[in-house]
Amino acid sequence: MKSLRLLLCALPLALTGCSTLSSINWSAAYPWNWFGSSTEVTEQGVGKITASTALDQDAIQSALSSDYRLRSGMKTENGTIVHYFEALKGDTLALVINGDKGTVNRVAVLDEDIPTASGVKVGTPFSELYKQAFGNCTSVPSDDSVAVECKAEGSAHISYLFTGTWSGPEGLMPSDDTLKNWKVSKIIWKQ
């Protein structure tokens, strides 16, 4: 019996250490992940929220775990009115879900407990993901600070929004030396 317990504990570690297949999510083999699915940002969407999820409170709530509560709102974006949902974890904003034509087309993740399939989380430094901004990033308008959006490597649907302190002109890309200390403030999935 003791050897079975030891085998069950050691097997996920051995699989993780021996794996050369980067496309397989070996963390699902850990015993603490056996009885619940963790939410991840993938090419298909965020957890069970995908491009086929209706932009409807009931559909989004059923795609999210019970850890989140939803509130809806409307805003103007590029001269049009946009309907969106915010998912809160406790009192903290965790996700912003937008859509058009009745389905979800964009999810902004602010919750550091929701990583990408490759392990990137909110708070990951720029220097861990990129050597330079050129060819990867663009300066984007942001509500409260200067921001840079960078495409995730090898992804058609995932990007990272980095924010940080910079005293240069608005709209101009900060230097790579400045960006290296900036951190991911949002993980964005777009259809």
C-alpha atoms as a PDB file:
ATOM      1  CA  MET A   1       0.000   0.000   0.000  1.00  0.00           C
ATOM      2  CA  LYS A   2       2.851   2.375   0.838  1.00  0.00           C
ATOM      3  CA  SER A   3       4.509   1.735  -2.501  1.00  0.00           C
ATOM      4  CA  LEU A   4       1.224   2.510  -4.311  1.00  0.00           C
ATOM      5  CA  ARG A   5       0.957   5.865  -2.531  1.00  0.00           C
ATOM      6  CA  LEU A   6       4.560   6.641  -3.361  1.00  0.00           C
ATOM      7  CA  LEU A   7       3.963   5.708  -6.997  1.00  0.00           C
ATOM      8  CA  LEU A   8       0.882   7.955  -7.174  1.00  0.00           C
ATOM      9  CA  CYS A   9       2.853  10.881  -5.773  1.00  0.00           C
ATOM     10  CA  ALA A  10       5.976  10.309  -7.875  1.00  0.00           C
ATOM     11  CA  LEU A  11       4.318   9.529 -11.209  1.00  0.00           C
ATOM     12  CA  PRO A  12       3.256  13.121 -12.067  1.00  0.00           C
ATOM     13  CA  LEU A  13       6.724  14.393 -11.146  1.00  0.00           C
ATOM     14  CA  ALA A  14       8.377  11.753 -13.314  1.00  0.00           C
ATOM     15  CA  LEU A  15       6.065  12.517 -16.219  1.00  0.00           C
ATOM     16  CA  THR A  16       6.747  16.231 -15.940  1.00  0.00           C
ATOM     17  CA  GLY A  17      10.517  15.747 -15.746  1.00  0.00           C
ATOM     18  CA  CYS A  18      10.670  13.282 -18.622  1.00  0.00           C
ATOM     19  CA  SER A  19       8.324  15.062 -20.970  1.00  0.00           C
ATOM     20  CA  THR A  20       9.692  16.441 -24.195  1.00  0.00           C
ATOM     21  CA  LEU A  21       6.234  17.061 -25.599  1.00  0.00           C
ATOM     22  CA  SER A  22       5.574  20.726 -24.910  1.00  0.00           C
ATOM     23  CA  SER A  23       2.052  20.642 -26.329  1.00  0.00           C
ATOM     24  CA  ILE A  24       0.795  18.311 -23.589  1.00  0.00           C
ATOM     25  CA  ASN A  25      -0.431  19.860 -20.351  1.00  0.00           C
ATOM     26  CA  TRP A  26       1.282  17.573 -17.832  1.00  0.00           C
ATOM     27  CA  SER A  27       0.082  19.655 -14.887  1.00  0.00           C
ATOM     28  CA  ALA A  28      -3.292  17.936 -15.322  1.00  0.00           C
ATOM     29  CA  ALA A  29      -1.572  14.751 -14.058  1.00  0.00           C
ATOM     30  CA  TYR A  30      -0.897  16.285 -10.639  1.00  0.00           C
ATOM     31  CA  PRO A  31      -3.161  14.723  -7.997  1.00  0.00           C
ATOM     32  CA  TRP A  32      -4.404  18.125  -6.797  1.00  0.00           C
ATOM     33  CA  ASN A  33      -5.856  18.745 -10.285  1.00  0.00           C
ATOM     34  CA  TRP A  34      -7.699  15.431 -10.563  1.00  0.00           C
ATOM     35  CA  PHE A  35     -10.980  16.555  -9.040  1.00  0.00           C
ATOM     36  CA  GLY A  36     -11.505  19.912 -10.678  1.00  0.00           C
ATOM     37  CA  SER A  37     -10.582  21.657 -13.858  1.00  0.00           C
ATOM     38  CA  SER A  38      -8.556  24.807 -13.598  1.00  0.00           C
ATOM     39  CA  THR A  39      -9.360  27.674 -15.929  1.00  0.00           C
ATOM     40  CA  GLU A  40      -6.695  28.417 -18.553  1.00  0.00           C
ATOM     41  CA  VAL A  41      -6.337  30.756 -21.518  1.00  0.00           C
ATOM     42  CA  THR A  42      -5.936  28.660 -24.680  1.00  0.00           C
ATOM     43  CA  GLU A  43      -6.270  29.257 -28.410  1.00  0.00           C
ATOM     44  CA  GLN A  44      -9.938  28.211 -28.103  1.00  0.00           C
ATOM     45  CA  GLY A  45     -10.851  30.649 -25.310  1.00  0.00           C
ATOM     46  CA  VAL A  46     -10.748  31.093 -21.547  1.00  0.00           C
ATOM     47  CA  GLY A  47     -11.790  27.937 -19.728  1.00  0.00           C
ATOM     48  CA  LYS A  48     -15.162  26.970 -21.158  1.00  0.00           C
ATOM     49  CA  ILE A  49     -15.773  30.433 -22.656  1.00  0.00           C
ATOM     50  CA  THR A  50     -15.180  30.186 -26.415  1.00  0.00           C
ATOM     51  CA  ALA A  51     -16.231  31.988 -29.581  1.00  0.00           C
ATOM     52  CA  SER A  52     -19.422  29.886 -29.612  1.00  0.00           C
ATOM     53  CA  THR A  53     -20.458  30.997 -26.098  1.00  0.00           C
ATOM     54  CA  ALA A  54     -23.536  33.218 -26.270  1.00  0.00           C
ATOM     55  CA  LEU A  55     -23.057  36.774 -25.002  1.00  0.00           C
ATOM     56  CA  ASP A  56     -25.715  36.059 -22.408  1.00  0.00           C
ATOM     57  CA  GLN A  57     -25.475  36.098 -18.620  1.00  0.00           C
ATOM     58  CA  ASP A  58     -26.750  32.529 -18.164  1.00  0.00           C
ATOM     59  CA  ALA A  59     -24.431  31.083 -20.839  1.00  0.00           C
ATOM     60  CA  ILE A  60     -21.381  32.883 -19.466  1.00  0.00           C
ATOM     61  CA  GLN A  61     -22.202  31.990 -15.851  1.00  0.00           C
ATOM     62  CA  SER A  62     -22.547  28.316 -16.746  1.00  0.00           C
ATOM     63  CA  ALA A  63     -19.170  28.460 -18.577  1.00  0.00           C
ATOM     64  CA  LEU A  64     -17.515  29.971 -15.491  1.00  0.00           C
ATOM     65  CA  SER A  65     -17.016  28.235 -12.177  1.00  0.00           C
ATOM     66  CA  SER A  66     -19.135  29.261  -9.219  1.00  0.00           C
ATOM     67  CA  ASP A  67     -16.148  31.264  -7.920  1.00  0.00           C
ATOM     68  CA  TYR A  68     -17.230  34.191 -10.102  1.00  0.00           C
ATOM     69  CA  ARG A  69     -20.246  36.460 -10.054  1.00  0.00           C
ATOM     70  CA  LEU A  70     -21.257  38.443 -13.130  1.00  0.00           C
ATOM     71  CA  ARG A  71     -22.368  41.986 -13.699  1.00  0.00           C
ATOM     72  CA  SER A  72     -23.187  43.493 -17.070  1.00  0.00           C
ATOM     73  CA  GLY A  73     -22.668  46.901 -18.563  1.00  0.00           C
ATOM     74  CA  MET A  74     -22.516  48.975 -21.715  1.00  0.00           C
ATOM     75  CA  LYS A  75     -19.865  51.362 -23.024  1.00  0.00           C
ATOM     76  CA  THR A  76     -18.983  53.176 -26.204  1.00  0.00           C
ATOM     77  CA  GLU A  77     -16.070  51.895 -28.234  1.00  0.00           C
ATOM     78  CA  ASN A  78     -15.080  53.513 -31.533  1.00  0.00           C
ATOM     79  CA  GLY A  79     -18.440  55.286 -31.681  1.00  0.00           C
ATOM     80  CA  THR A  80     -20.597  52.205 -31.132  1.00  0.00           C
ATOM     81  CA  ILE A  81     -22.284  50.881 -28.010  1.00  0.00           C
ATOM     82  CA  VAL A  82     -20.716  47.664 -26.752  1.00  0.00           C
ATOM     83  CA  HIS A  83     -22.321  45.234 -24.300  1.00  0.00           C
ATOM     84  CA  TYR A  84     -19.939  43.490 -21.882  1.00  0.00           C
ATOM     85  CA  PHE A  85     -19.827  41.371 -18.756  1.00  0.00           C
ATOM     86  CA  GLU A  86     -17.429  41.597 -15.834  1.00  0.00           C
ATOM     87  CA  ALA A  87     -16.684  38.508 -13.762  1.00  0.00           C
ATOM     88  CA  LEU A  88     -15.763  39.270 -10.173  1.00  0.00           C
ATOM     89  CA  LYS A  89     -13.979  36.950  -7.769  1.00  0.00           C
ATOM     90  CA  GLY A  90     -15.049  38.255  -4.403  1.00  0.00           C
ATOM     91  CA  ASP A  91     -14.864  42.013  -4.918  1.00  0.00           C
ATOM     92  CA  THR A  92     -11.965  41.856  -7.388  1.00  0.00           C
ATOM     93  CA  LEU A  93     -12.429  42.209 -11.143  1.00  0.00           C
ATOM     94  CA  ALA A  94     -11.130  38.975 -12.731  1.00  0.00           C
ATOM     95  CA  LEU A  95     -12.446  38.922 -16.335  1.00  0.00           C
ATOM     96  CA  VAL A  96     -13.975  41.356 -18.830  1.00  0.00           C
ATOM     97  CA  ILE A  97     -16.003  39.562 -21.515  1.00  0.00           C
ATOM     98  CA  ASN A  98     -16.993  41.352 -24.739  1.00  0.00           C
ATOM     99  CA  GLY A  99     -18.774  40.188 -27.860  1.00  0.00           C
ATOM    100  CA  ASP A 100     -20.693  41.032 -30.967  1.00  0.00           C
ATOM    101  CA  LYS A 101     -23.352  39.346 -33.088  1.00  0.00           C
ATOM    102  CA  GLY A 102     -24.547  37.517 -29.991  1.00  0.00           C
ATOM    103  CA  THR A 103     -21.359  35.600 -29.120  1.00  0.00           C
ATOM    104  CA  VAL A 104     -18.164  36.224 -27.152  1.00  0.00           C
ATOM    105  CA  ASN A 105     -15.232  37.547 -29.202  1.00  0.00           C
ATOM    106  CA  ARG A 106     -12.847  38.919 -26.544  1.00  0.00           C
ATOM    107  CA  VAL A 107     -11.950  38.088 -22.951  1.00  0.00           C
ATOM    108  CA  ALA A 108      -9.506  40.146 -20.881  1.00  0.00           C
ATOM    109  CA  VAL A 109      -8.081  38.188 -17.938  1.00  0.00           C
ATOM    110  CA  LEU A 110      -6.968  40.170 -14.880  1.00  0.00           C
ATOM    111  CA  ASP A 111      -6.972  37.227 -12.442  1.00  0.00           C
ATOM    112  CA  GLU A 112      -3.440  36.004 -11.644  1.00  0.00           C
ATOM    113  CA  ASP A 113      -4.892  32.535 -10.934  1.00  0.00           C
ATOM    114  CA  ILE A 114      -5.805  32.080 -14.630  1.00  0.00           C
ATOM    115  CA  PRO A 115      -2.641  31.295 -16.623  1.00  0.00           C
ATOM    116  CA  THR A 116      -2.180  30.598 -20.307  1.00  0.00           C
ATOM    117  CA  ALA A 117      -1.635  26.988 -21.365  1.00  0.00           C
ATOM    118  CA  SER A 118       2.102  27.832 -21.513  1.00  0.00           C
ATOM    119  CA  GLY A 119       2.100  29.067 -17.896  1.00  0.00           C
ATOM    120  CA  VAL A 120       2.147  32.865 -18.386  1.00  0.00           C
ATOM    121  CA  LYS A 121       0.202  34.677 -15.654  1.00  0.00           C
ATOM    122  CA  VAL A 122      -0.763  38.235 -14.797  1.00  0.00           C
ATOM    123  CA  GLY A 123       2.375  39.627 -13.142  1.00  0.00           C
ATOM    124  CA  THR A 124       4.879  37.852 -15.436  1.00  0.00           C
ATOM    125  CA  PRO A 125       7.725  40.279 -16.318  1.00  0.00           C
ATOM    126  CA  PHE A 126       8.297  41.340 -19.944  1.00  0.00           C
ATOM    127  CA  SER A 127      11.906  40.133 -19.741  1.00  0.00           C
ATOM    128  CA  GLU A 128      10.759  36.517 -19.168  1.00  0.00           C
ATOM    129  CA  LEU A 129       8.799  36.510 -22.439  1.00  0.00           C
ATOM    130  CA  TYR A 130      10.553  38.871 -24.863  1.00  0.00           C
ATOM    131  CA  LYS A 131      14.047  40.157 -25.596  1.00  0.00           C
ATOM    132  CA  GLN A 132      12.752  43.131 -27.571  1.00  0.00           C
ATOM    133  CA  ALA A 133       9.465  44.817 -28.401  1.00  0.00           C
ATOM    134  CA  PHE A 134      10.237  45.292 -32.093  1.00  0.00           C
ATOM    135  CA  GLY A 135       8.214  42.849 -34.173  1.00  0.00           C
ATOM    136  CA  ASN A 136       6.226  41.635 -31.157  1.00  0.00           C
ATOM    137  CA  CYS A 137       4.540  44.654 -29.560  1.00  0.00           C
ATOM    138  CA  THR A 138       2.666  47.887 -30.214  1.00  0.00           C
ATOM    139  CA  SER A 139       1.880  50.841 -27.987  1.00  0.00           C
ATOM    140  CA  VAL A 140      -1.847  50.972 -27.163  1.00  0.00           C
ATOM    141  CA  PRO A 141      -4.066  53.490 -25.388  1.00  0.00           C
ATOM    142  CA  SER A 142      -4.840  52.614 -21.782  1.00  0.00           C
ATOM    143  CA  ASP A 143      -7.181  54.090 -19.198  1.00  0.00           C
ATOM    144  CA  ASP A 144      -4.716  54.698 -16.388  1.00  0.00           C
ATOM    145  CA  SER A 145      -1.174  54.346 -17.744  1.00  0.00           C
ATOM    146  CA  VAL A 146       1.056  53.732 -20.726  1.00  0.00           C
ATOM    147  CA  ALA A 147       0.507  50.241 -22.131  1.00  0.00           C
ATOM    148  CA  VAL A 148       2.121  47.920 -24.654  1.00  0.00           C
ATOM    149  CA  GLU A 149       0.304  44.942 -26.204  1.00  0.00           C
ATOM    150  CA  CYS A 150       2.401  41.986 -27.389  1.00  0.00           C
ATOM    151  CA  LYS A 151       1.291  38.901 -29.321  1.00  0.00           C
ATOM    152  CA  ALA A 152       1.942  35.637 -27.496  1.00  0.00           C
ATOM    153  CA  GLU A 153       4.584  33.608 -29.277  1.00  0.00           C
ATOM    154  CA  GLY A 154       3.052  31.074 -31.651  1.00  0.00           C
ATOM    155  CA  SER A 155      -0.499  32.261 -30.966  1.00  0.00           C
ATOM    156  CA  ALA A 156      -3.154  33.657 -33.276  1.00  0.00           C
ATOM    157  CA  HIS A 157      -5.576  34.597 -30.486  1.00  0.00           C
ATOM    158  CA  ILE A 158      -3.629  35.462 -27.309  1.00  0.00           C
ATOM    159  CA  SER A 159      -1.790  38.670 -26.451  1.00  0.00           C
ATOM    160  CA  TYR A 160      -0.391  40.247 -23.294  1.00  0.00           C
ATOM    161  CA  LEU A 161      -0.923  43.804 -22.093  1.00  0.00           C
ATOM    162  CA  PHE A 162       2.108  45.175 -20.240  1.00  0.00           C
ATOM    163  CA  THR A 163       1.916  48.314 -18.111  1.00  0.00           C
ATOM    164  CA  GLY A 164       4.537  50.190 -16.193  1.00  0.00           C
ATOM    165  CA  THR A 165       6.071  53.533 -15.402  1.00  0.00           C
ATOM    166  CA  TRP A 166       7.348  55.634 -18.270  1.00  0.00           C
ATOM    167  CA  SER A 167       7.682  59.381 -18.691  1.00  0.00           C
ATOM    168  CA  GLY A 168       8.072  59.485 -22.488  1.00  0.00           C
ATOM    169  CA  PRO A 169       5.542  60.820 -24.993  1.00  0.00           C
ATOM    170  CA  GLU A 170       2.148  59.110 -25.186  1.00  0.00           C
ATOM    171  CA  GLY A 171       1.821  56.717 -28.115  1.00  0.00           C
ATOM    172  CA  LEU A 172       5.575  56.164 -28.456  1.00  0.00           C
ATOM    173  CA  MET A 173       6.978  52.725 -27.702  1.00  0.00           C
ATOM    174  CA  PRO A 174       9.147  52.634 -24.544  1.00  0.00           C
ATOM    175  CA  SER A 175      12.686  51.303 -24.909  1.00  0.00           C
ATOM    176  CA  ASP A 176      13.401  47.603 -24.366  1.00  0.00           C
ATOM    177  CA  ASP A 177      15.427  48.549 -21.300  1.00  0.00           C
ATOM    178  CA  THR A 178      12.338  50.233 -19.795  1.00  0.00           C
ATOM    179  CA  LEU A 179      10.004  47.399 -20.802  1.00  0.00           C
ATOM    180  CA  LYS A 180      12.087  44.641 -19.197  1.00  0.00           C
ATOM    181  CA  ASN A 181      10.675  45.529 -15.756  1.00  0.00           C
ATOM    182  CA  TRP A 182       7.056  45.903 -16.892  1.00  0.00           C
ATOM    183  CA  LYS A 183       4.627  43.135 -16.011  1.00  0.00           C
ATOM    184  CA  VAL A 184       1.610  41.521 -17.660  1.00  0.00           C
ATOM    185  CA  SER A 185      -1.483  43.373 -16.411  1.00  0.00           C
ATOM    186  CA  LYS A 186      -3.959  41.542 -18.688  1.00  0.00           C
ATOM    187  CA  ILE A 187      -3.981  38.408 -20.781  1.00  0.00           C
ATOM    188  CA  ILE A 188      -6.244  39.023 -23.779  1.00  0.00           C
ATOM    189  CA  TRP A 189      -7.961  36.344 -25.849  1.00  0.00           C
ATOM    190  CA  LYS A 190      -9.550  37.563 -29.108  1.00  0.00           C
ATOM    191  CA  GLN A 191     -11.472  35.579 -31.683  1.00  0.00           C
END
